C-alpha atoms as a PDB file:
ATOM      1  CA  MET A   1     134.231 -56.712  44.384  1.00  0.00           C
ATOM      2  CA  LEU A   2     135.319 -58.626  47.481  1.00  0.00           C
ATOM      3  CA  GLU A   3     136.811 -56.846  50.479  1.00  0.00           C
ATOM      4  CA  GLY A   4     140.179 -58.549  49.954  1.00  0.00           C
ATOM      5  CA  GLU A   5     140.300 -57.302  46.369  1.00  0.00           C
ATOM      6  CA  LYS A   6     139.460 -53.771  47.478  1.00  0.00           C
ATOM      7  CA  PHE A   7     142.195 -53.878  50.103  1.00  0.00           C
ATOM      8  CA  ASN A   8     144.753 -55.188  47.588  1.00  0.00           C
ATOM      9  CA  ARG A   9     143.848 -52.400  45.147  1.00  0.00           C
ATOM     10  CA  TYR A  10     144.137 -49.853  47.957  1.00  0.00           C
ATOM     11  CA  LEU A  11     147.593 -51.110  48.931  1.00  0.00           C
ATOM     12  CA  ALA A  12     148.717 -51.195  45.294  1.00  0.00           C
ATOM     13  CA  ARG A  13     147.619 -47.571  44.901  1.00  0.00           C
ATOM     14  CA  LEU A  14     149.513 -46.541  48.045  1.00  0.00           C
ATOM     15  CA  VAL A  15     152.659 -48.165  46.691  1.00  0.00           C
ATOM     16  CA  GLU A  16     152.159 -46.356  43.357  1.00  0.00           C
ATOM     17  CA  LEU A  17     151.877 -43.007  45.102  1.00  0.00           C
ATOM     18  CA  ASP A  18     154.881 -43.615  47.373  1.00  0.00           C
ATOM     19  CA  ALA A  19     157.441 -42.387  44.831  1.00  0.00           C
ATOM     20  CA  SER A  20     159.853 -41.194  47.533  1.00  0.00           C
ATOM     21  CA  GLN A  21     159.409 -44.488  49.438  1.00  0.00           C
ATOM     22  CA  GLN A  22     158.503 -42.726  52.676  1.00  0.00           C
ATOM     23  CA  LEU A  23     155.721 -45.201  53.423  1.00  0.00           C
ATOM     24  CA  TYR A  24     157.949 -48.140  52.444  1.00  0.00           C
ATOM     25  CA  ASP A  25     160.698 -46.951  54.816  1.00  0.00           C
ATOM     26  CA  LEU A  26     158.232 -46.295  57.635  1.00  0.00           C
ATOM     27  CA  VAL A  27     156.703 -49.767  57.340  1.00  0.00           C
ATOM     28  CA  TRP A  28     160.121 -51.457  57.337  1.00  0.00           C
ATOM     29  CA  GLN A  29     161.301 -49.404  60.336  1.00  0.00           C
ATOM     30  CA  ARG A  30     158.184 -50.159  62.369  1.00  0.00           C
ATOM     31  CA  TYR A  31     157.356 -53.723  61.312  1.00  0.00           C
ATOM     32  CA  SER A  32     160.594 -55.278  60.046  1.00  0.00           C
ATOM     33  CA  GLY A  33     160.585 -57.958  62.759  1.00  0.00           C
ATOM     34  CA  ALA A  34     157.022 -59.039  62.079  1.00  0.00           C
ATOM     35  CA  ILE A  35     157.585 -59.001  58.315  1.00  0.00           C
ATOM     36  CA  ARG A  36     160.678 -61.200  58.680  1.00  0.00           C
ATOM     37  CA  VAL A  37     158.724 -63.706  60.794  1.00  0.00           C
ATOM     38  CA  LEU A  38     155.965 -63.833  58.175  1.00  0.00           C
ATOM     39  CA  LEU A  39     158.481 -64.306  55.364  1.00  0.00           C
ATOM     40  CA  ASP A  40     160.282 -67.064  57.288  1.00  0.00           C
ATOM     41  CA  HIS A  41     157.017 -68.897  57.872  1.00  0.00           C
ATOM     42  CA  ALA A  42     155.896 -68.413  54.280  1.00  0.00           C
ATOM     43  CA  GLU A  43     158.753 -70.687  53.193  1.00  0.00           C
ATOM     44  CA  LEU A  44     157.265 -73.496  55.289  1.00  0.00           C
ATOM     45  CA  VAL A  45     153.894 -73.386  53.520  1.00  0.00           C
END
Protein backbone atom coordinates (compact mmCIF):
# COMPACT_ATOMS: atom_id res chain seq x y z
CA MET A 1 0.00 0.00 0.00
CA LEU A 2 1.34 3.43 -0.93
CA GLU A 3 1.94 6.10 1.71
CA GLY A 4 -0.80 8.31 0.24
CA GLU A 5 -3.30 5.47 0.51
CA LYS A 6 -2.31 4.82 4.11
CA PHE A 7 -2.71 8.50 4.95
CA ASN A 8 -6.14 8.66 3.27
CA ARG A 9 -7.29 5.59 5.22
CA TYR A 10 -5.98 7.15 8.43
CA LEU A 11 -7.86 10.39 7.79
CA ALA A 12 -11.03 8.50 6.86
CA ARG A 13 -10.82 6.58 10.14
CA LEU A 14 -10.36 9.80 12.13
CA VAL A 15 -13.46 11.25 10.50
CA GLU A 16 -15.39 8.05 11.32
CA LEU A 17 -14.40 8.27 14.96
CA ASP A 18 -15.18 11.99 15.25
CA ALA A 19 -18.88 11.47 16.00
CA SER A 20 -19.12 14.66 18.07
CA GLN A 21 -17.23 16.61 15.37
CA GLN A 22 -14.65 17.92 17.83
CA LEU A 23 -11.80 17.32 15.39
CA TYR A 24 -13.83 18.79 12.52
CA ASP A 25 -14.53 21.96 14.53
CA LEU A 26 -10.92 22.25 15.68
CA VAL A 27 -9.58 21.96 12.12
CA TRP A 28 -12.02 24.58 10.81
CA GLN A 29 -11.22 26.98 13.68
CA ARG A 30 -7.46 26.65 13.20
CA TYR A 31 -7.14 26.27 9.43
CA SER A 32 -10.26 27.83 7.90
CA GLY A 33 -8.25 30.48 6.03
CA ALA A 34 -5.86 27.99 4.49
CA ILE A 35 -8.69 25.62 3.59
CA ARG A 36 -10.60 28.43 1.86
CA VAL A 37 -7.50 29.36 -0.17
CA LEU A 38 -7.06 25.73 -1.24
CA LEU A 39 -10.72 25.43 -2.20
CA ASP A 40 -10.59 28.68 -4.18
CA HIS A 41 -7.54 27.49 -6.08
CA ALA A 42 -9.02 24.05 -6.66
CA GLU A 43 -11.66 25.68 -8.87
CA LEU A 44 -8.90 26.97 -11.16
CA VAL A 45 -7.47 23.50 -11.82
